Amino acid sequence: MGKAEQHSYIACRHEMNAALMASAEAKLTGKMTVCTATSGSGITVLLNGLVDAWQDKAPVFAITGQVERTQIGTGTAQDINQQQLIAPLA
C-alpha cells in the first residue's frame, strides 16, 4: 500500500473565496479539490471560482446545501434550481 494522502480543511468566510482557493490549488497541484457552500445564495457566489476552474480545466468538486426535499421548487427562502444554475459548468 502507498502512503496515505493528507487532506486539509481550510475554512473561508465567503464561498467565492473558497471556490477561488480550490481553483488555484487544483491548478497548482493538478489534483481534485473541493469547496462547499450553503444553498441558494451560497452556490451563486461559488460561480466566480467555479468558472475560473472550468475555463482552465482545473478539477474542482463543489458540495452545496439544499432546502428540505418538500420545499424544493416552492420558492421558499434559499430555493433555487441548483442543477440548472451549474449545468453549463458541469
C-alpha atoms as a PDB file:
ATOM      1  CA  MET A   1       0.000   0.000   0.000  1.00  0.00           C
ATOM      2  CA  GLY A   2       1.120   3.500  -0.731  1.00  0.00           C
ATOM      3  CA  LYS A   3       1.455   6.417   1.587  1.00  0.00           C
ATOM      4  CA  ALA A   4      -1.876   7.784   2.800  1.00  0.00           C
ATOM      5  CA  GLU A   5      -2.777  11.172   1.371  1.00  0.00           C
ATOM      6  CA  GLN A   6      -3.228  14.052   3.747  1.00  0.00           C
ATOM      7  CA  HIS A   7      -6.351  16.184   3.430  1.00  0.00           C
ATOM      8  CA  SER A   8      -6.762  19.634   4.905  1.00  0.00           C
ATOM      9  CA  TYR A   9      -9.889  21.666   5.561  1.00  0.00           C
ATOM     10  CA  ILE A  10      -9.421  25.410   5.218  1.00  0.00           C
ATOM     11  CA  ALA A  11     -12.337  27.483   6.498  1.00  0.00           C
ATOM     12  CA  CYS A  12     -13.345  30.553   4.498  1.00  0.00           C
ATOM     13  CA  ARG A  13     -15.626  33.398   5.436  1.00  0.00           C
ATOM     14  CA  HIS A  14     -17.080  33.676   1.951  1.00  0.00           C
ATOM     15  CA  GLU A  15     -17.972  30.982  -0.574  1.00  0.00           C
ATOM     16  CA  MET A  16     -16.426  32.869  -3.503  1.00  0.00           C
ATOM     17  CA  ASN A  17     -13.051  32.808  -1.773  1.00  0.00           C
ATOM     18  CA  ALA A  18     -13.451  29.073  -1.119  1.00  0.00           C
ATOM     19  CA  ALA A  19     -14.080  28.390  -4.815  1.00  0.00           C
ATOM     20  CA  LEU A  20     -11.208  30.614  -5.944  1.00  0.00           C
ATOM     21  CA  MET A  21      -8.866  28.939  -3.456  1.00  0.00           C
ATOM     22  CA  ALA A  22      -9.971  25.497  -4.650  1.00  0.00           C
ATOM     23  CA  SER A  23      -9.427  26.557  -8.257  1.00  0.00           C
ATOM     24  CA  ALA A  24      -5.931  27.853  -7.522  1.00  0.00           C
ATOM     25  CA  GLU A  25      -4.988  24.705  -5.588  1.00  0.00           C
ATOM     26  CA  ALA A  26      -6.246  22.469  -8.391  1.00  0.00           C
ATOM     27  CA  LYS A  27      -4.304  24.461 -10.982  1.00  0.00           C
ATOM     28  CA  LEU A  28      -1.103  24.330  -8.951  1.00  0.00           C
ATOM     29  CA  THR A  29      -1.269  20.663  -7.990  1.00  0.00           C
ATOM     30  CA  GLY A  30      -3.318  19.075 -10.763  1.00  0.00           C
ATOM     31  CA  LYS A  31      -5.309  17.269  -8.068  1.00  0.00           C
ATOM     32  CA  MET A  32      -9.039  17.495  -7.468  1.00  0.00           C
ATOM     33  CA  THR A  33     -10.039  19.974  -4.797  1.00  0.00           C
ATOM     34  CA  VAL A  34     -13.328  20.537  -3.004  1.00  0.00           C
ATOM     35  CA  CYS A  35     -15.247  23.622  -1.935  1.00  0.00           C
ATOM     36  CA  THR A  36     -18.508  23.874  -0.016  1.00  0.00           C
ATOM     37  CA  ALA A  37     -21.369  26.328   0.172  1.00  0.00           C
ATOM     38  CA  THR A  38     -24.840  26.730   1.565  1.00  0.00           C
ATOM     39  CA  SER A  39     -27.912  26.520  -0.627  1.00  0.00           C
ATOM     40  CA  GLY A  40     -29.376  29.467  -2.502  1.00  0.00           C
ATOM     41  CA  SER A  41     -27.097  32.459  -2.403  1.00  0.00           C
ATOM     42  CA  GLY A  42     -24.178  30.299  -1.244  1.00  0.00           C
ATOM     43  CA  ILE A  43     -23.992  28.383  -4.506  1.00  0.00           C
ATOM     44  CA  THR A  44     -24.444  31.530  -6.592  1.00  0.00           C
ATOM     45  CA  VAL A  45     -21.306  33.119  -5.149  1.00  0.00           C
ATOM     46  CA  LEU A  46     -19.333  29.924  -5.815  1.00  0.00           C
ATOM     47  CA  LEU A  47     -19.825  30.568  -9.521  1.00  0.00           C
ATOM     48  CA  ASN A  48     -16.908  33.001  -9.952  1.00  0.00           C
ATOM     49  CA  GLY A  49     -14.403  30.457  -8.682  1.00  0.00           C
ATOM     50  CA  LEU A  50     -16.057  27.557 -10.474  1.00  0.00           C
ATOM     51  CA  VAL A  51     -15.983  29.425 -13.786  1.00  0.00           C
ATOM     52  CA  ASP A  52     -12.309  30.178 -13.192  1.00  0.00           C
ATOM     53  CA  ALA A  53     -11.629  26.472 -12.641  1.00  0.00           C
ATOM     54  CA  TRP A  54     -13.805  25.434 -15.598  1.00  0.00           C
ATOM     55  CA  GLN A  55     -12.027  27.765 -18.010  1.00  0.00           C
ATOM     56  CA  ASP A  56      -8.645  26.297 -17.085  1.00  0.00           C
ATOM     57  CA  LYS A  57      -9.934  22.722 -16.793  1.00  0.00           C
ATOM     58  CA  ALA A  58      -8.947  22.565 -13.129  1.00  0.00           C
ATOM     59  CA  PRO A  59     -10.675  19.717 -11.251  1.00  0.00           C
ATOM     60  CA  VAL A  60     -12.878  21.300  -8.567  1.00  0.00           C
ATOM     61  CA  PHE A  61     -15.754  19.495  -6.859  1.00  0.00           C
ATOM     62  CA  ALA A  62     -18.450  21.684  -5.266  1.00  0.00           C
ATOM     63  CA  ILE A  63     -20.620  20.420  -2.414  1.00  0.00           C
ATOM     64  CA  THR A  64     -23.646  22.537  -1.586  1.00  0.00           C
ATOM     65  CA  GLY A  65     -26.542  22.501   0.775  1.00  0.00           C
ATOM     66  CA  GLN A  66     -30.155  22.262  -0.330  1.00  0.00           C
ATOM     67  CA  VAL A  67     -33.511  23.142   1.163  1.00  0.00           C
ATOM     68  CA  GLU A  68     -35.645  20.324   2.533  1.00  0.00           C
ATOM     69  CA  ARG A  69     -36.889  17.985  -0.189  1.00  0.00           C
ATOM     70  CA  THR A  70     -40.511  19.033   0.412  1.00  0.00           C
ATOM     71  CA  GLN A  71     -39.512  22.685  -0.137  1.00  0.00           C
ATOM     72  CA  ILE A  72     -37.718  22.219  -3.481  1.00  0.00           C
ATOM     73  CA  GLY A  73     -39.458  24.177  -6.218  1.00  0.00           C
ATOM     74  CA  THR A  74     -41.773  26.057  -3.863  1.00  0.00           C
ATOM     75  CA  GLY A  75     -39.932  29.370  -3.926  1.00  0.00           C
ATOM     76  CA  THR A  76     -39.139  29.181  -0.239  1.00  0.00           C
ATOM     77  CA  ALA A  77     -36.101  31.046   1.067  1.00  0.00           C
ATOM     78  CA  GLN A  78     -32.827  29.714  -0.404  1.00  0.00           C
ATOM     79  CA  ASP A  79     -34.670  27.578  -3.006  1.00  0.00           C
ATOM     80  CA  ILE A  80     -33.117  27.813  -6.456  1.00  0.00           C
ATOM     81  CA  ASN A  81     -32.663  25.221  -9.179  1.00  0.00           C
ATOM     82  CA  GLN A  82     -29.022  24.401  -8.462  1.00  0.00           C
ATOM     83  CA  GLN A  83     -28.716  21.844 -11.261  1.00  0.00           C
ATOM     84  CA  GLN A  84     -29.880  24.348 -13.858  1.00  0.00           C
ATOM     85  CA  LEU A  85     -27.623  27.036 -12.427  1.00  0.00           C
ATOM     86  CA  ILE A  86     -24.465  24.934 -12.543  1.00  0.00           C
ATOM     87  CA  ALA A  87     -25.237  22.908 -15.717  1.00  0.00           C
ATOM     88  CA  PRO A  88     -23.043  25.000 -18.081  1.00  0.00           C
ATOM     89  CA  LEU A  89     -20.007  24.310 -15.872  1.00  0.00           C
ATOM     90  CA  ALA A  90     -20.596  20.670 -15.035  1.00  0.00           C
END
